[in-house]
N, C-alpha and C. Protein backbone atom coordinates (compact mmCIF):
# COMPACT_ATOMS: atom_id res chain seq x y z
N MET A 1 116.96 101.34 65.51
CA MET A 1 116.67 100.23 66.38
C MET A 1 117.17 100.48 67.80
N LEU A 2 118.34 101.05 67.91
CA LEU A 2 118.89 101.35 69.22
C LEU A 2 118.03 102.37 69.95
N VAL A 3 117.49 103.33 69.24
CA VAL A 3 116.63 104.34 69.84
C VAL A 3 115.37 103.69 70.39
N LYS A 4 114.78 102.76 69.66
CA LYS A 4 113.56 102.09 70.12
C LYS A 4 113.83 101.31 71.40
N ARG A 5 114.94 100.62 71.49
CA ARG A 5 115.26 99.85 72.69
C ARG A 5 115.45 100.78 73.89
N THR A 6 116.14 101.86 73.69
CA THR A 6 116.36 102.80 74.77
C THR A 6 115.02 103.35 75.24
N PHE A 7 114.18 103.70 74.32
CA PHE A 7 112.86 104.23 74.66
C PHE A 7 112.03 103.18 75.38
N THR A 8 112.06 101.94 74.91
CA THR A 8 111.31 100.85 75.53
C THR A 8 111.82 100.58 76.94
N VAL A 9 113.11 100.55 77.11
CA VAL A 9 113.69 100.34 78.43
C VAL A 9 113.29 101.48 79.36
N GLY A 10 113.30 102.70 78.83
CA GLY A 10 112.88 103.85 79.63
C GLY A 10 111.43 103.72 80.07
N LEU A 11 110.56 103.29 79.18
CA LEU A 11 109.15 103.10 79.54
C LEU A 11 108.99 101.99 80.57
N LEU A 12 109.74 100.92 80.42
CA LEU A 12 109.67 99.83 81.39
C LEU A 12 110.14 100.30 82.76
N SER A 13 111.19 101.11 82.79
CA SER A 13 111.68 101.64 84.07
C SER A 13 110.62 102.49 84.74
N ILE A 14 109.97 103.34 83.96
CA ILE A 14 108.91 104.19 84.51
C ILE A 14 107.75 103.33 84.99
N ALA A 15 107.37 102.34 84.22
CA ALA A 15 106.26 101.46 84.59
C ALA A 15 106.55 100.70 85.87
N MET A 16 107.82 100.39 86.11
CA MET A 16 108.17 99.66 87.32
C MET A 16 108.12 100.58 88.54
N VAL A 17 108.37 101.87 88.36
CA VAL A 17 108.38 102.82 89.47
C VAL A 17 106.97 103.30 89.79
N LEU A 18 106.15 103.54 88.81
CA LEU A 18 104.82 104.11 89.04
C LEU A 18 103.94 103.32 89.98
N PRO A 19 103.82 102.00 89.85
CA PRO A 19 102.94 101.30 90.78
C PRO A 19 103.35 101.46 92.25
N VAL A 20 104.62 101.50 92.53
CA VAL A 20 105.08 101.68 93.90
C VAL A 20 104.70 103.07 94.38
N TRP A 21 104.92 104.07 93.56
CA TRP A 21 104.65 105.44 93.92
C TRP A 21 103.15 105.66 94.07
N ALA A 22 102.35 105.07 93.18
CA ALA A 22 100.91 105.29 93.20
C ALA A 22 100.21 104.43 94.24
N SER A 23 100.88 103.43 94.77
CA SER A 23 100.21 102.49 95.67
C SER A 23 100.28 102.91 97.14
N GLU A 24 100.91 104.05 97.43
CA GLU A 24 100.99 104.50 98.82
C GLU A 24 99.58 104.76 99.33
N ASP A 25 99.27 104.11 100.42
CA ASP A 25 97.94 104.26 101.00
C ASP A 25 98.11 104.58 102.48
N PHE A 26 97.94 105.84 102.83
CA PHE A 26 98.13 106.28 104.19
C PHE A 26 96.81 106.23 104.95
N LYS A 27 96.90 106.04 106.26
CA LYS A 27 95.71 106.08 107.10
C LYS A 27 95.24 107.52 107.22
N HIS A 28 93.95 107.67 107.44
CA HIS A 28 93.34 109.00 107.56
C HIS A 28 92.61 109.09 108.89
N ILE A 29 92.49 110.32 109.39
CA ILE A 29 91.75 110.59 110.61
C ILE A 29 90.91 111.85 110.38
N ALA A 30 89.69 111.84 110.87
CA ALA A 30 88.84 113.01 110.77
C ALA A 30 89.34 114.08 111.74
N ALA A 31 89.28 115.33 111.32
CA ALA A 31 89.77 116.44 112.16
C ALA A 31 89.05 116.47 113.50
N GLU A 32 87.80 116.07 113.53
CA GLU A 32 87.02 116.10 114.77
C GLU A 32 87.53 115.10 115.81
N LEU A 33 88.29 114.12 115.38
CA LEU A 33 88.81 113.10 116.30
C LEU A 33 90.16 113.47 116.90
N LEU A 34 90.72 114.58 116.46
CA LEU A 34 92.01 115.03 116.98
C LEU A 34 91.85 115.66 118.36
N PRO A 35 92.90 115.63 119.18
CA PRO A 35 92.88 116.39 120.43
C PRO A 35 92.68 117.88 120.12
N MET A 36 92.16 118.62 121.07
CA MET A 36 91.80 120.02 120.84
C MET A 36 92.97 120.87 120.34
N SER A 37 94.17 120.70 120.87
CA SER A 37 95.30 121.52 120.41
C SER A 37 95.67 121.21 118.95
N LEU A 38 95.51 119.94 118.54
CA LEU A 38 95.77 119.60 117.15
C LEU A 38 94.66 120.11 116.25
N GLN A 39 93.42 120.12 116.75
CA GLN A 39 92.31 120.69 115.97
C GLN A 39 92.57 122.19 115.72
N THR A 40 93.09 122.87 116.72
CA THR A 40 93.42 124.29 116.58
C THR A 40 94.50 124.49 115.53
N SER A 41 95.54 123.66 115.56
CA SER A 41 96.60 123.74 114.56
C SER A 41 96.06 123.45 113.17
N TRP A 42 95.20 122.45 113.08
CA TRP A 42 94.57 122.10 111.80
C TRP A 42 93.76 123.27 111.25
N GLN A 43 92.95 123.89 112.10
CA GLN A 43 92.13 125.01 111.65
C GLN A 43 92.99 126.20 111.20
N ALA A 44 94.10 126.43 111.87
CA ALA A 44 95.00 127.53 111.52
C ALA A 44 95.70 127.28 110.18
N ASN A 45 96.01 126.03 109.88
CA ASN A 45 96.74 125.70 108.64
C ASN A 45 95.84 125.40 107.46
N LYS A 46 94.62 125.03 107.71
CA LYS A 46 93.70 124.61 106.65
C LYS A 46 93.55 125.63 105.52
N PRO A 47 93.42 126.94 105.82
CA PRO A 47 93.28 127.91 104.72
C PRO A 47 94.49 128.00 103.79
N HIS A 48 95.65 127.57 104.26
CA HIS A 48 96.89 127.68 103.48
C HIS A 48 97.20 126.43 102.66
N LEU A 49 96.40 125.39 102.82
CA LEU A 49 96.70 124.12 102.16
C LEU A 49 96.51 124.17 100.65
N GLY A 50 95.60 124.99 100.18
CA GLY A 50 95.35 125.05 98.75
C GLY A 50 94.72 123.78 98.24
N LYS A 51 94.90 123.54 96.98
CA LYS A 51 94.26 122.41 96.30
C LYS A 51 94.89 121.06 96.66
N PHE A 52 96.19 121.04 96.89
CA PHE A 52 96.89 119.77 97.06
C PHE A 52 97.49 119.55 98.44
N GLY A 53 97.60 120.57 99.26
CA GLY A 53 98.25 120.46 100.56
C GLY A 53 97.57 119.47 101.50
N HIS A 54 98.35 118.94 102.42
CA HIS A 54 97.84 117.97 103.40
C HIS A 54 98.54 118.18 104.74
N CYS A 55 97.86 117.77 105.79
CA CYS A 55 98.44 117.76 107.14
C CYS A 55 98.36 116.34 107.68
N ALA A 56 99.28 116.03 108.57
CA ALA A 56 99.30 114.72 109.22
C ALA A 56 99.53 114.92 110.71
N ALA A 57 99.01 113.98 111.49
CA ALA A 57 99.16 114.07 112.94
C ALA A 57 99.29 112.68 113.55
N ALA A 58 99.94 112.66 114.71
CA ALA A 58 100.04 111.45 115.53
C ALA A 58 100.00 111.90 116.98
N PHE A 59 99.39 111.09 117.84
CA PHE A 59 99.33 111.47 119.25
C PHE A 59 99.14 110.24 120.13
N ASP A 60 99.82 110.26 121.26
CA ASP A 60 99.66 109.23 122.28
C ASP A 60 98.83 109.75 123.45
N SER A 61 98.68 111.06 123.54
CA SER A 61 97.94 111.68 124.63
C SER A 61 97.04 112.75 124.06
N ARG A 62 95.87 112.92 124.65
CA ARG A 62 94.94 113.95 124.20
C ARG A 62 95.17 115.28 124.91
N SER A 63 96.07 115.28 125.93
CA SER A 63 96.29 116.51 126.69
C SER A 63 97.75 116.95 126.77
N ASP A 64 98.69 116.04 126.58
CA ASP A 64 100.12 116.36 126.67
C ASP A 64 100.67 116.69 125.28
N ASP A 65 100.94 117.97 125.03
CA ASP A 65 101.43 118.40 123.72
C ASP A 65 102.77 117.74 123.34
N ALA A 66 103.54 117.33 124.33
CA ALA A 66 104.82 116.67 124.06
C ALA A 66 104.62 115.29 123.43
N LYS A 67 103.42 114.76 123.53
CA LYS A 67 103.10 113.44 122.96
C LYS A 67 102.23 113.57 121.72
N MET A 68 102.43 114.70 121.01
CA MET A 68 101.69 114.96 119.77
C MET A 68 102.66 115.40 118.69
N ALA A 69 102.38 114.99 117.47
CA ALA A 69 103.15 115.43 116.31
C ALA A 69 102.17 115.96 115.28
N PHE A 70 102.54 117.04 114.62
CA PHE A 70 101.67 117.66 113.62
C PHE A 70 102.53 118.28 112.54
N SER A 71 102.18 118.05 111.29
CA SER A 71 102.95 118.59 110.19
C SER A 71 102.04 118.81 108.99
N CYS A 72 102.29 119.88 108.26
CA CYS A 72 101.54 120.17 107.03
C CYS A 72 102.51 120.34 105.87
N SER A 73 102.03 119.99 104.71
CA SER A 73 102.79 120.18 103.48
C SER A 73 101.95 121.08 102.57
N ILE A 74 102.46 122.28 102.32
CA ILE A 74 101.72 123.25 101.50
C ILE A 74 102.60 123.70 100.34
N TYR A 75 102.01 124.40 99.40
CA TYR A 75 102.69 124.90 98.21
C TYR A 75 103.31 123.75 97.41
N VAL A 76 102.56 122.68 97.27
CA VAL A 76 103.00 121.51 96.52
C VAL A 76 102.09 121.37 95.31
N LYS A 77 102.63 120.86 94.22
CA LYS A 77 101.87 120.80 92.98
C LYS A 77 101.20 119.44 92.74
N LEU A 78 101.50 118.45 93.58
CA LEU A 78 100.89 117.13 93.43
C LEU A 78 100.37 116.65 94.78
N LYS A 79 99.17 116.11 94.78
CA LYS A 79 98.54 115.62 96.01
C LYS A 79 99.39 114.53 96.67
N ALA A 80 99.88 113.58 95.87
CA ALA A 80 100.66 112.47 96.42
C ALA A 80 101.95 112.97 97.08
N VAL A 81 102.57 113.98 96.52
CA VAL A 81 103.80 114.53 97.10
C VAL A 81 103.47 115.20 98.43
N ALA A 82 102.38 115.95 98.46
CA ALA A 82 101.96 116.61 99.70
C ALA A 82 101.68 115.60 100.80
N GLN A 83 101.02 114.51 100.46
CA GLN A 83 100.72 113.46 101.44
C GLN A 83 102.00 112.85 101.97
N ARG A 84 102.90 112.49 101.07
CA ARG A 84 104.16 111.86 101.49
C ARG A 84 104.97 112.78 102.38
N LYS A 85 105.07 114.05 102.00
CA LYS A 85 105.87 115.00 102.79
C LYS A 85 105.26 115.25 104.16
N ALA A 86 103.94 115.37 104.22
CA ALA A 86 103.28 115.57 105.52
C ALA A 86 103.53 114.38 106.43
N ILE A 87 103.40 113.18 105.90
CA ILE A 87 103.64 111.96 106.69
C ILE A 87 105.11 111.89 107.09
N GLN A 88 106.01 112.18 106.17
CA GLN A 88 107.45 112.11 106.45
C GLN A 88 107.83 113.07 107.58
N HIS A 89 107.38 114.31 107.51
CA HIS A 89 107.73 115.29 108.55
C HIS A 89 107.06 114.94 109.88
N CYS A 90 105.86 114.43 109.82
CA CYS A 90 105.17 113.99 111.03
C CYS A 90 105.93 112.82 111.66
N ASP A 91 106.37 111.87 110.83
CA ASP A 91 107.13 110.72 111.34
C ASP A 91 108.43 111.16 112.01
N GLU A 92 109.09 112.17 111.45
CA GLU A 92 110.32 112.68 112.07
C GLU A 92 110.03 113.23 113.47
N GLN A 93 108.95 113.99 113.60
CA GLN A 93 108.57 114.51 114.91
C GLN A 93 108.16 113.38 115.85
N ARG A 94 107.42 112.43 115.30
CA ARG A 94 106.95 111.29 116.10
C ARG A 94 108.11 110.52 116.70
N GLU A 95 109.12 110.25 115.90
CA GLU A 95 110.29 109.52 116.39
C GLU A 95 111.05 110.34 117.43
N ALA A 96 111.20 111.64 117.18
CA ALA A 96 111.93 112.49 118.12
C ALA A 96 111.22 112.57 119.47
N ARG A 97 109.90 112.51 119.46
CA ARG A 97 109.12 112.62 120.70
C ARG A 97 108.71 111.25 121.26
N HIS A 98 109.16 110.18 120.62
CA HIS A 98 108.89 108.81 121.05
C HIS A 98 107.38 108.53 121.12
N ILE A 99 106.67 108.95 120.10
CA ILE A 99 105.23 108.71 120.00
C ILE A 99 105.02 107.38 119.31
N LYS A 100 104.21 106.53 119.91
CA LYS A 100 103.98 105.19 119.38
C LYS A 100 102.93 105.14 118.29
N ALA A 101 101.93 106.01 118.36
CA ALA A 101 100.85 106.02 117.38
C ALA A 101 101.39 106.44 116.00
N PRO A 102 100.85 105.86 114.94
CA PRO A 102 101.32 106.22 113.59
C PRO A 102 100.77 107.58 113.16
N CYS A 103 101.48 108.20 112.25
CA CYS A 103 101.00 109.45 111.66
C CYS A 103 99.86 109.13 110.69
N GLN A 104 98.86 109.99 110.69
CA GLN A 104 97.71 109.82 109.81
C GLN A 104 97.41 111.14 109.13
N LEU A 105 96.94 111.06 107.88
CA LEU A 105 96.54 112.25 107.17
C LEU A 105 95.22 112.75 107.73
N ILE A 106 95.07 114.05 107.85
CA ILE A 106 93.86 114.63 108.41
C ILE A 106 92.89 114.94 107.29
N ASP A 107 91.65 114.49 107.48
CA ASP A 107 90.59 114.75 106.49
C ASP A 107 89.77 115.94 106.90
C-alpha cells in the first residue's frame, strides 16, 4: 500500500509539472523579416541545428548590430529544450544590450 501511494504521488507531481513545461508558447519570426546581419547569422547556423535545434533573435534596430541579439541552441535532444535555451540565451544578450524588443524563435 505504501508503494502505491508513493507511486501515485510521484505521478501527480509529474502531472503537475508537465502542463507548465508543455505550455510554453514562444513568439516566432520568419527569417526573411530579420535584419540582414541576423539573416546572415541564421543562414550560417541553420545547417548545424539538426532535427531539434532552434535560434532566437531580438532587435531594436535593423542596422545597428549593438541593438541586436541572436542565439542558437544546437546538439539538443528535445525541441522544447532547444527552444527554451535559445530564448534564454537571447534574453541574456537582450538585457545586456538594453534591447526592448522580445526574443522570438526564428522559423
